[in-house]
Structure formats: structure tokens, C-alpha cells
């Protein structure tokens, strides 16, 4: 099951597109000739990327600055896409953020906001755009999860829980969409050197985790797009991450939780 072909009337809607994985997926799709609608809070970053893509690949690149944690902003986003006269045939749900620290000492408003963005906004956009994809008989959704989705992680409990939600939702809807011409793919990267690391408060991981654990952002983006193009349910870039994902899913929690807790503390 391939990605829908590029067309002047369609777009790839990419959230969290101002940097990191979202920006690199936009570049990957632009190279394939897809027009993009770039969404994030930082308008200037989006404009720079839009100019880059339209200049390099001659594709249509729209910009919408929005805080997707707010329902009204998601409504405004949908209205803007409609005003552009574009059909969302590829949806990249990448917007999200992480945290570090035990839940008992974490800022309550921050972790609740994390759930709103990482889970609620992602679900909202997928529920908005997949019905029309099914009607057209073509479409693709890439939900950016994480290797953190494969097991609970003491020290970043809420973030790992949000990504477990993303993985579960994507796998289930992948099965629901079978035969509809539409696919849902969970992209589950491990550590990637992007702004996300610093914003999550885990900047020390760059020094404490060996290089073998890190995956380049270009490899992650390419793997996600190629995986969706092949109709894959889950994409985990990097051999070490794939092994770790299997271990996290199938090992007894009573054994893995103390180990993961210790590893997280050492890494951050």
C-alpha cells in the first residue's frame, strides 16, 4: 500500500514541523513531490522551512501557526486547511513534548498539558481526517510515538504513557483500516539529537548515552516515510532500538522496571 501520489489539490499536514523529526519528514515528503502544510507554534521557523521546500522542490508549502493543545486552535487549523482548498491525504502527527522527573515532583499543569498535546490533539486530528481518506480510498497517517511506548519508564512516566497511547491507537486503527486504501503507521524512534532532548530536560543524555543508541534525524524521517509507503504498522529505526523494543514489550515488568529506572537516572 503506497502513499497517495502528489497532487495540486492535496497536502501532507505535518504537526510539530518547525524543527527536528517533523521538519525532516517535511523535507522527505517535499523531495517526493508532495505539497505540505506545516504546523507548529513558531511561525518564523515554519516560514523558513516553507521557503526552503518550495524553492528546492517546487512544491506548495503552507504555514499555520497554532498551539494544538487547545481545541479551538485545532478547529482554526482545520478551517484554514479548508480555506486553502486542500485535501489532507497524508497526516503526520508529530507535535509533542516530553519531561524528566518523578511524577510526585513534576509540575501538574505541565504533565496534563503533555497529555492534551501528545494524545488528545493527535487523536483529534486523526479522527478529523481519516474519514475523508477512507471515502477517497487513499491516505496515510504517521503517528510519531517512541521506543518509550514499549514499556513504562520511571522518571518520565507521563511521557512514556502518552507514547504507549499513540502506539496502541495506531496499531488498532491500522487493523481497522485494512482494505480501505488507507494506512496508519507508528514511527517509534529511540534517542535522536534534536531540540526535543533539551526541552524535555534530558540534555545530559547526549553525554551519558553511547553513540550506538542514537539515530540520525534524517534516518528516522526517511524510515517513517518509507515505512508508511510500504503500509507498515510500526517502524522502529535502528537495530539497537528494535531489539530494545522487543525486550521492553515482552520482559516481565517486575524485572524491567527497576532496570529501566536505574538506566534512566544514569542517562539523564
C-alpha atoms as a PDB file:
ATOM      1  CA  UNK A   1       0.000   0.000   0.000  1.00  0.00           C
ATOM      2  CA  UNK A   2       1.764   3.127  -1.233  1.00  0.00           C
ATOM      3  CA  UNK A   3       1.484   6.724  -0.153  1.00  0.00           C
ATOM      4  CA  UNK A   4      -1.100   8.693  -2.148  1.00  0.00           C
ATOM      5  CA  UNK A   5       0.501  10.304  -5.205  1.00  0.00           C
ATOM      6  CA  UNK A   6       1.246  14.029  -5.024  1.00  0.00           C
ATOM      7  CA  UNK A   7      -1.420  16.312  -6.440  1.00  0.00           C
ATOM      8  CA  UNK A   8      -2.120  20.037  -6.553  1.00  0.00           C
ATOM      9  CA  UNK A   9      -5.317  19.594  -4.561  1.00  0.00           C
ATOM     10  CA  UNK A  10      -3.849  17.531  -1.720  1.00  0.00           C
ATOM     11  CA  UNK A  11      -1.423  18.176   1.091  1.00  0.00           C
ATOM     12  CA  UNK A  12       0.604  16.436   3.746  1.00  0.00           C
ATOM     13  CA  UNK A  13      -0.332  18.010   7.073  1.00  0.00           C
ATOM     14  CA  UNK A  14       2.668  17.912   9.401  1.00  0.00           C
ATOM     15  CA  UNK A  15       2.430  18.970  13.039  1.00  0.00           C
ATOM     16  CA  UNK A  16       5.470  19.891  15.103  1.00  0.00           C
ATOM     17  CA  UNK A  17       7.082  20.877  11.807  1.00  0.00           C
ATOM     18  CA  UNK A  18       9.287  23.726  12.999  1.00  0.00           C
ATOM     19  CA  UNK A  19      12.264  21.515  13.890  1.00  0.00           C
ATOM     20  CA  UNK A  20      13.565  18.002  14.396  1.00  0.00           C
ATOM     21  CA  UNK A  21      11.683  14.977  13.097  1.00  0.00           C
ATOM     22  CA  UNK A  22       8.713  17.000  11.825  1.00  0.00           C
ATOM     23  CA  UNK A  23      10.885  19.313   9.727  1.00  0.00           C
ATOM     24  CA  UNK A  24      12.876  16.393   8.330  1.00  0.00           C
ATOM     25  CA  UNK A  25       9.728  14.470   7.378  1.00  0.00           C
ATOM     26  CA  UNK A  26       8.565  17.605   5.560  1.00  0.00           C
ATOM     27  CA  UNK A  27      11.842  17.599   3.609  1.00  0.00           C
ATOM     28  CA  UNK A  28      11.484  13.904   2.810  1.00  0.00           C
ATOM     29  CA  UNK A  29       7.949  14.391   1.502  1.00  0.00           C
ATOM     30  CA  UNK A  30       8.973  17.521  -0.398  1.00  0.00           C
ATOM     31  CA  UNK A  31      11.675  15.527  -2.184  1.00  0.00           C
ATOM     32  CA  UNK A  32       8.928  13.126  -3.262  1.00  0.00           C
ATOM     33  CA  UNK A  33       6.903  15.988  -4.714  1.00  0.00           C
ATOM     34  CA  UNK A  34       4.252  16.294  -2.009  1.00  0.00           C
ATOM     35  CA  UNK A  35       2.847  19.665  -1.063  1.00  0.00           C
ATOM     36  CA  UNK A  36       2.921  20.259   2.684  1.00  0.00           C
ATOM     37  CA  UNK A  37       1.028  22.180   5.324  1.00  0.00           C
ATOM     38  CA  UNK A  38       3.422  22.967   8.156  1.00  0.00           C
ATOM     39  CA  UNK A  39       2.001  23.406  11.649  1.00  0.00           C
ATOM     40  CA  UNK A  40       3.708  24.470  14.880  1.00  0.00           C
ATOM     41  CA  UNK A  41       3.745  27.429  17.247  1.00  0.00           C
ATOM     42  CA  UNK A  42       6.828  29.143  15.792  1.00  0.00           C
ATOM     43  CA  UNK A  43       5.635  30.911  12.642  1.00  0.00           C
ATOM     44  CA  UNK A  44       9.031  32.211  11.533  1.00  0.00           C
ATOM     45  CA  UNK A  45      10.606  28.754  11.681  1.00  0.00           C
ATOM     46  CA  UNK A  46       7.739  27.418   9.588  1.00  0.00           C
ATOM     47  CA  UNK A  47       8.098  30.193   7.022  1.00  0.00           C
ATOM     48  CA  UNK A  48      11.807  29.468   6.644  1.00  0.00           C
ATOM     49  CA  UNK A  49      11.123  25.784   6.071  1.00  0.00           C
ATOM     50  CA  UNK A  50       8.281  26.518   3.655  1.00  0.00           C
ATOM     51  CA  UNK A  51      10.557  28.762   1.601  1.00  0.00           C
ATOM     52  CA  UNK A  52      13.234  26.076   1.585  1.00  0.00           C
ATOM     53  CA  UNK A  53      10.842  23.380   0.373  1.00  0.00           C
ATOM     54  CA  UNK A  54       9.083  25.443  -2.267  1.00  0.00           C
ATOM     55  CA  UNK A  55      12.416  26.679  -3.571  1.00  0.00           C
ATOM     56  CA  UNK A  56      14.163  23.308  -3.655  1.00  0.00           C
ATOM     57  CA  UNK A  57      11.298  21.085  -4.799  1.00  0.00           C
ATOM     58  CA  UNK A  58       8.723  23.433  -6.377  1.00  0.00           C
ATOM     59  CA  UNK A  59       6.023  22.163  -4.047  1.00  0.00           C
ATOM     60  CA  UNK A  60       3.221  24.090  -2.399  1.00  0.00           C
ATOM     61  CA  UNK A  61       4.103  24.772   1.241  1.00  0.00           C
ATOM     62  CA  UNK A  62       1.522  26.334   3.527  1.00  0.00           C
ATOM     63  CA  UNK A  63       2.165  27.614   7.056  1.00  0.00           C
ATOM     64  CA  UNK A  64      -0.242  27.593  10.002  1.00  0.00           C
ATOM     65  CA  UNK A  65       0.976  28.716  13.424  1.00  0.00           C
ATOM     66  CA  UNK A  66      -1.122  27.040  16.117  1.00  0.00           C
ATOM     67  CA  UNK A  67      -0.964  25.616  19.634  1.00  0.00           C
ATOM     68  CA  UNK A  68      -2.592  22.250  19.046  1.00  0.00           C
ATOM     69  CA  UNK A  69      -3.075  21.554  22.742  1.00  0.00           C
ATOM     70  CA  UNK A  70      -6.043  23.950  22.511  1.00  0.00           C
ATOM     71  CA  UNK A  71      -9.251  22.595  20.897  1.00  0.00           C
ATOM     72  CA  UNK A  72     -10.111  25.996  19.414  1.00  0.00           C
ATOM     73  CA  UNK A  73      -6.725  26.096  17.711  1.00  0.00           C
ATOM     74  CA  UNK A  74      -7.358  22.707  16.134  1.00  0.00           C
ATOM     75  CA  UNK A  75     -10.680  24.000  14.830  1.00  0.00           C
ATOM     76  CA  UNK A  76      -8.888  27.023  13.404  1.00  0.00           C
ATOM     77  CA  UNK A  77      -6.308  24.755  11.765  1.00  0.00           C
ATOM     78  CA  UNK A  78      -8.998  22.679  10.086  1.00  0.00           C
ATOM     79  CA  UNK A  79     -10.768  25.825   8.860  1.00  0.00           C
ATOM     80  CA  UNK A  80      -7.529  27.190   7.402  1.00  0.00           C
ATOM     81  CA  UNK A  81      -6.818  23.959   5.511  1.00  0.00           C
ATOM     82  CA  UNK A  82     -10.355  24.077   4.115  1.00  0.00           C
ATOM     83  CA  UNK A  83      -9.856  27.686   3.029  1.00  0.00           C
ATOM     84  CA  UNK A  84      -6.709  26.624   1.165  1.00  0.00           C
ATOM     85  CA  UNK A  85      -8.915  24.208  -0.770  1.00  0.00           C
ATOM     86  CA  UNK A  86      -6.678  21.273   0.104  1.00  0.00           C
ATOM     87  CA  UNK A  87      -7.471  17.679   0.968  1.00  0.00           C
ATOM     88  CA  UNK A  88      -5.310  16.175   3.711  1.00  0.00           C
ATOM     89  CA  UNK A  89      -4.208  12.876   2.199  1.00  0.00           C
ATOM     90  CA  UNK A  90      -1.143  12.425   4.409  1.00  0.00           C
ATOM     91  CA  UNK A  91      -1.255  13.267   8.112  1.00  0.00           C
ATOM     92  CA  UNK A  92       1.924  13.404  10.182  1.00  0.00           C
ATOM     93  CA  UNK A  93       1.092  13.668  13.885  1.00  0.00           C
ATOM     94  CA  UNK A  94       4.462  14.701  15.273  1.00  0.00           C
ATOM     95  CA  UNK A  95       3.686  17.533  17.720  1.00  0.00           C
ATOM     96  CA  UNK A  96       4.522  16.655  21.303  1.00  0.00           C
ATOM     97  CA  UNK A  97       6.924  17.156  24.165  1.00  0.00           C
ATOM     98  CA  UNK A  98       8.482  15.166  26.994  1.00  0.00           C
ATOM     99  CA  UNK A  99       9.594  15.573  30.554  1.00  0.00           C
ATOM    100  CA  UNK A 100      12.024  14.282  33.131  1.00  0.00           C
ATOM    101  CA  UNK A 101      11.446  13.707  36.820  1.00  0.00           C
ATOM    102  CA  UNK A 102       9.253  11.619  39.063  1.00  0.00           C
ATOM    103  CA  UNK A 103       5.534  12.318  38.891  1.00  0.00           C
ATOM    104  CA  UNK A 104       5.289  13.286  42.568  1.00  0.00           C
ATOM    105  CA  UNK A 105       7.694  16.173  41.966  1.00  0.00           C
ATOM    106  CA  UNK A 106       6.575  17.138  38.461  1.00  0.00           C
ATOM    107  CA  UNK A 107       4.585  20.261  37.620  1.00  0.00           C
ATOM    108  CA  UNK A 108       0.961  19.137  37.423  1.00  0.00           C
ATOM    109  CA  UNK A 109      -0.067  21.604  34.718  1.00  0.00           C
ATOM    110  CA  UNK A 110       2.856  20.568  32.521  1.00  0.00           C
ATOM    111  CA  UNK A 111       2.064  16.847  32.547  1.00  0.00           C
ATOM    112  CA  UNK A 112      -1.642  17.474  31.945  1.00  0.00           C
ATOM    113  CA  UNK A 113      -0.729  19.726  29.016  1.00  0.00           C
ATOM    114  CA  UNK A 114       1.513  16.933  27.731  1.00  0.00           C
ATOM    115  CA  UNK A 115      -1.420  14.533  27.609  1.00  0.00           C
ATOM    116  CA  UNK A 116      -3.519  17.130  25.785  1.00  0.00           C
ATOM    117  CA  UNK A 117      -0.903  17.595  23.080  1.00  0.00           C
ATOM    118  CA  UNK A 118       0.656  14.139  22.805  1.00  0.00           C
ATOM    119  CA  UNK A 119      -2.655  12.239  22.974  1.00  0.00           C
ATOM    120  CA  UNK A 120      -5.765  14.403  22.630  1.00  0.00           C
ATOM    121  CA  UNK A 121      -4.538  16.565  19.747  1.00  0.00           C
ATOM    122  CA  UNK A 122      -3.163  13.560  17.873  1.00  0.00           C
ATOM    123  CA  UNK A 123      -6.433  11.661  18.249  1.00  0.00           C
ATOM    124  CA  UNK A 124      -8.471  14.714  17.254  1.00  0.00           C
ATOM    125  CA  UNK A 125      -6.567  15.243  14.005  1.00  0.00           C
ATOM    126  CA  UNK A 126      -6.619  11.576  13.086  1.00  0.00           C
ATOM    127  CA  UNK A 127     -10.376  11.411  13.742  1.00  0.00           C
ATOM    128  CA  UNK A 128     -10.904  14.569  11.669  1.00  0.00           C
ATOM    129  CA  UNK A 129      -9.033  13.468   8.561  1.00  0.00           C
ATOM    130  CA  UNK A 130      -9.236   9.692   8.253  1.00  0.00           C
ATOM    131  CA  UNK A 131     -12.972   9.559   7.350  1.00  0.00           C
ATOM    132  CA  UNK A 132     -12.354  11.554   4.162  1.00  0.00           C
ATOM    133  CA  UNK A 133      -9.304   9.408   3.391  1.00  0.00           C
ATOM    134  CA  UNK A 134     -11.487   6.311   3.627  1.00  0.00           C
ATOM    135  CA  UNK A 135     -14.100   7.906   1.354  1.00  0.00           C
ATOM    136  CA  UNK A 136     -11.418   8.664  -1.253  1.00  0.00           C
ATOM    137  CA  UNK A 137      -9.885   5.217  -0.852  1.00  0.00           C
ATOM    138  CA  UNK A 138      -6.392   6.574  -0.261  1.00  0.00           C
ATOM    139  CA  UNK A 139      -4.437   8.170   2.543  1.00  0.00           C
ATOM    140  CA  UNK A 140      -1.716   7.684   5.119  1.00  0.00           C
ATOM    141  CA  UNK A 141      -1.267   8.581   8.769  1.00  0.00           C
ATOM    142  CA  UNK A 142       2.096   8.589  10.510  1.00  0.00           C
ATOM    143  CA  UNK A 143       1.822   8.975  14.274  1.00  0.00           C
ATOM    144  CA  UNK A 144       5.163   9.671  15.917  1.00  0.00           C
ATOM    145  CA  UNK A 145       5.435   7.546  19.037  1.00  0.00           C
ATOM    146  CA  UNK A 146       8.739   6.485  20.610  1.00  0.00           C
ATOM    147  CA  UNK A 147      10.633   3.460  21.858  1.00  0.00           C
ATOM    148  CA  UNK A 148       9.350   4.767  25.220  1.00  0.00           C
ATOM    149  CA  UNK A 149       5.976   3.369  24.150  1.00  0.00           C
ATOM    150  CA  UNK A 150       7.170  -0.213  24.626  1.00  0.00           C
ATOM    151  CA  UNK A 151       7.452  -0.142  28.414  1.00  0.00           C
ATOM    152  CA  UNK A 152       6.711   2.115  31.419  1.00  0.00           C
ATOM    153  CA  UNK A 153       9.659   4.368  32.286  1.00  0.00           C
ATOM    154  CA  UNK A 154      10.029   5.562  35.881  1.00  0.00           C
ATOM    155  CA  UNK A 155      11.465   9.068  35.671  1.00  0.00           C
ATOM    156  CA  UNK A 156       9.397  10.044  32.666  1.00  0.00           C
ATOM    157  CA  UNK A 157       6.191   8.192  33.457  1.00  0.00           C
ATOM    158  CA  UNK A 158       3.704  10.516  31.777  1.00  0.00           C
ATOM    159  CA  UNK A 159       5.661  10.850  28.549  1.00  0.00           C
ATOM    160  CA  UNK A 160       6.067   7.085  28.191  1.00  0.00           C
ATOM    161  CA  UNK A 161       2.362   6.631  28.934  1.00  0.00           C
ATOM    162  CA  UNK A 162       1.380   9.121  26.207  1.00  0.00           C
ATOM    163  CA  UNK A 163       3.524   7.304  23.680  1.00  0.00           C
ATOM    164  CA  UNK A 164       2.047   3.953  24.708  1.00  0.00           C
ATOM    165  CA  UNK A 165      -1.345   5.509  23.881  1.00  0.00           C
ATOM    166  CA  UNK A 166      -0.064   6.607  20.472  1.00  0.00           C
ATOM    167  CA  UNK A 167       1.316   3.158  19.680  1.00  0.00           C
ATOM    168  CA  UNK A 168      -1.826   1.329  20.791  1.00  0.00           C
ATOM    169  CA  UNK A 169      -4.120   3.694  18.890  1.00  0.00           C
ATOM    170  CA  UNK A 170      -2.070   3.417  15.725  1.00  0.00           C
ATOM    171  CA  UNK A 171      -1.783  -0.353  15.750  1.00  0.00           C
ATOM    172  CA  UNK A 172      -5.519  -0.758  16.307  1.00  0.00           C
ATOM    173  CA  UNK A 173      -6.514   1.716  13.604  1.00  0.00           C
ATOM    174  CA  UNK A 174      -4.010   0.152  11.208  1.00  0.00           C
ATOM    175  CA  UNK A 175      -6.063  -3.042  11.527  1.00  0.00           C
ATOM    176  CA  UNK A 176      -9.367  -1.168  11.260  1.00  0.00           C
ATOM    177  CA  UNK A 177      -8.259   0.494   8.024  1.00  0.00           C
ATOM    178  CA  UNK A 178      -7.163  -2.734   6.321  1.00  0.00           C
ATOM    179  CA  UNK A 179      -8.602  -2.880   2.819  1.00  0.00           C
ATOM    180  CA  UNK A 180      -9.672   0.782   2.822  1.00  0.00           C
ATOM    181  CA  UNK A 181      -6.658   2.052   0.889  1.00  0.00           C
ATOM    182  CA  UNK A 182      -5.558   3.985   3.985  1.00  0.00           C
ATOM    183  CA  UNK A 183      -2.749   3.070   6.325  1.00  0.00           C
ATOM    184  CA  UNK A 184      -1.691   4.077   9.828  1.00  0.00           C
ATOM    185  CA  UNK A 185       1.956   3.778  10.853  1.00  0.00           C
ATOM    186  CA  UNK A 186       3.527   4.294  14.266  1.00  0.00           C
ATOM    187  CA  UNK A 187       7.032   5.730  13.989  1.00  0.00           C
ATOM    188  CA  UNK A 188       8.944   4.785  17.151  1.00  0.00           C
ATOM    189  CA  UNK A 189      12.373   6.425  17.252  1.00  0.00           C
ATOM    190  CA  UNK A 190      14.808   5.998  20.094  1.00  0.00           C
ATOM    191  CA  UNK A 191      17.123   8.828  21.167  1.00  0.00           C
ATOM    192  CA  UNK A 192      17.516  11.476  18.445  1.00  0.00           C
ATOM    193  CA  UNK A 193      19.650  14.598  18.810  1.00  0.00           C
ATOM    194  CA  UNK A 194      17.035  17.310  18.336  1.00  0.00           C
ATOM    195  CA  UNK A 195      15.645  20.231  20.352  1.00  0.00           C
ATOM    196  CA  UNK A 196      13.258  17.737  21.957  1.00  0.00           C
ATOM    197  CA  UNK A 197      16.036  16.427  24.208  1.00  0.00           C
ATOM    198  CA  UNK A 198      16.770  19.816  25.785  1.00  0.00           C
ATOM    199  CA  UNK A 199      13.115  20.820  26.064  1.00  0.00           C
ATOM    200  CA  UNK A 200      12.353  17.570  27.879  1.00  0.00           C
ATOM    201  CA  UNK A 201      15.066  18.328  30.437  1.00  0.00           C
ATOM    202  CA  UNK A 202      17.213  15.344  29.487  1.00  0.00           C
ATOM    203  CA  UNK A 203      20.112  17.161  27.863  1.00  0.00           C
ATOM    204  CA  UNK A 204      22.565  15.050  29.856  1.00  0.00           C
ATOM    205  CA  UNK A 205      21.573  12.039  27.789  1.00  0.00           C
ATOM    206  CA  UNK A 206      23.733  13.263  24.905  1.00  0.00           C
ATOM    207  CA  UNK A 207      26.821  12.825  27.071  1.00  0.00           C
ATOM    208  CA  UNK A 208      25.753   9.751  29.038  1.00  0.00           C
ATOM    209  CA  UNK A 209      24.274   7.525  26.330  1.00  0.00           C
ATOM    210  CA  UNK A 210      26.787   5.848  23.972  1.00  0.00           C
ATOM    211  CA  UNK A 211      26.581   6.829  20.323  1.00  0.00           C
ATOM    212  CA  UNK A 212      25.218   3.418  19.309  1.00  0.00           C
ATOM    213  CA  UNK A 213      21.887   4.308  20.937  1.00  0.00           C
ATOM    214  CA  UNK A 214      21.381   7.469  18.859  1.00  0.00           C
ATOM    215  CA  UNK A 215      19.705   7.617  15.457  1.00  0.00           C
ATOM    216  CA  UNK A 216      20.116  10.463  12.971  1.00  0.00           C
ATOM    217  CA  UNK A 217      17.021  12.559  12.386  1.00  0.00           C
ATOM    218  CA  UNK A 218      17.312  12.031   8.628  1.00  0.00           C
ATOM    219  CA  UNK A 219      17.288   8.245   9.096  1.00  0.00           C
ATOM    220  CA  UNK A 220      14.225   8.492  11.345  1.00  0.00           C
ATOM    221  CA  UNK A 221      12.294  10.636   8.872  1.00  0.00           C
ATOM    222  CA  UNK A 222      13.237   8.506   5.884  1.00  0.00           C
ATOM    223  CA  UNK A 223      12.342   5.318   7.746  1.00  0.00           C
ATOM    224  CA  UNK A 224       8.941   6.690   8.739  1.00  0.00           C
ATOM    225  CA  UNK A 225       8.010   7.820   5.228  1.00  0.00           C
ATOM    226  CA  UNK A 226       9.315   4.651   3.576  1.00  0.00           C
ATOM    227  CA  UNK A 227       7.520   2.526   6.172  1.00  0.00           C
ATOM    228  CA  UNK A 228       4.229   4.298   5.518  1.00  0.00           C
ATOM    229  CA  UNK A 229       4.796   3.900   1.784  1.00  0.00           C
ATOM    230  CA  UNK A 230       5.045   0.131   2.353  1.00  0.00           C
ATOM    231  CA  UNK A 231       1.978   0.104   4.599  1.00  0.00           C
ATOM    232  CA  UNK A 232       3.902  -0.888   7.714  1.00  0.00           C
ATOM    233  CA  UNK A 233       2.143  -0.852  11.068  1.00  0.00           C
ATOM    234  CA  UNK A 234       5.197   0.055  13.175  1.00  0.00           C
ATOM    235  CA  UNK A 235       8.602   1.456  12.223  1.00  0.00           C
ATOM    236  CA  UNK A 236      11.489   1.392  14.720  1.00  0.00           C
ATOM    237  CA  UNK A 237      14.617   2.950  13.177  1.00  0.00           C
ATOM    238  CA  UNK A 238      17.901   1.378  14.270  1.00  0.00           C
ATOM    239  CA  UNK A 239      18.764  -2.231  15.152  1.00  0.00           C
ATOM    240  CA  UNK A 240      19.528  -1.461  18.814  1.00  0.00           C
ATOM    241  CA  UNK A 241      16.153   0.238  19.184  1.00  0.00           C
ATOM    242  CA  UNK A 242      14.314  -2.683  17.587  1.00  0.00           C
ATOM    243  CA  UNK A 243      15.974  -5.113  19.984  1.00  0.00           C
ATOM    244  CA  UNK A 244      15.213  -2.822  22.926  1.00  0.00           C
ATOM    245  CA  UNK A 245      11.594  -2.506  21.836  1.00  0.00           C
ATOM    246  CA  UNK A 246      11.097  -6.256  21.749  1.00  0.00           C
ATOM    247  CA  UNK A 247      12.754  -6.620  25.136  1.00  0.00           C
ATOM    248  CA  UNK A 248      10.628  -3.867  26.657  1.00  0.00           C
ATOM    249  CA  UNK A 249       7.394  -5.360  25.344  1.00  0.00           C
ATOM    250  CA  UNK A 250       7.958  -8.946  26.404  1.00  0.00           C
ATOM    251  CA  UNK A 251      10.088  -8.870  29.569  1.00  0.00           C
ATOM    252  CA  UNK A 252       8.334  -9.193  32.963  1.00  0.00           C
ATOM    253  CA  UNK A 253       7.625  -5.765  34.462  1.00  0.00           C
ATOM    254  CA  UNK A 254       8.923  -6.831  37.872  1.00  0.00           C
ATOM    255  CA  UNK A 255      12.334  -7.268  36.247  1.00  0.00           C
ATOM    256  CA  UNK A 256      12.359  -4.413  33.772  1.00  0.00           C
ATOM    257  CA  UNK A 257      11.005  -1.565  35.900  1.00  0.00           C
ATOM    258  CA  UNK A 258      13.937  -1.410  38.382  1.00  0.00           C
ATOM    259  CA  UNK A 259      16.403  -1.746  35.496  1.00  0.00           C
ATOM    260  CA  UNK A 260      14.745   0.955  33.382  1.00  0.00           C
ATOM    261  CA  UNK A 261      14.535   3.262  36.401  1.00  0.00           C
ATOM    262  CA  UNK A 262      18.251   2.893  37.055  1.00  0.00           C
ATOM    263  CA  UNK A 263      19.144   3.300  33.371  1.00  0.00           C
ATOM    264  CA  UNK A 264      17.036   6.462  33.047  1.00  0.00           C
ATOM    265  CA  UNK A 265      18.696   8.032  36.068  1.00  0.00           C
ATOM    266  CA  UNK A 266      22.133   7.267  34.698  1.00  0.00           C
ATOM    267  CA  UNK A 267      21.254   8.615  31.257  1.00  0.00           C
ATOM    268  CA  UNK A 268      19.790  11.917  32.444  1.00  0.00           C
END
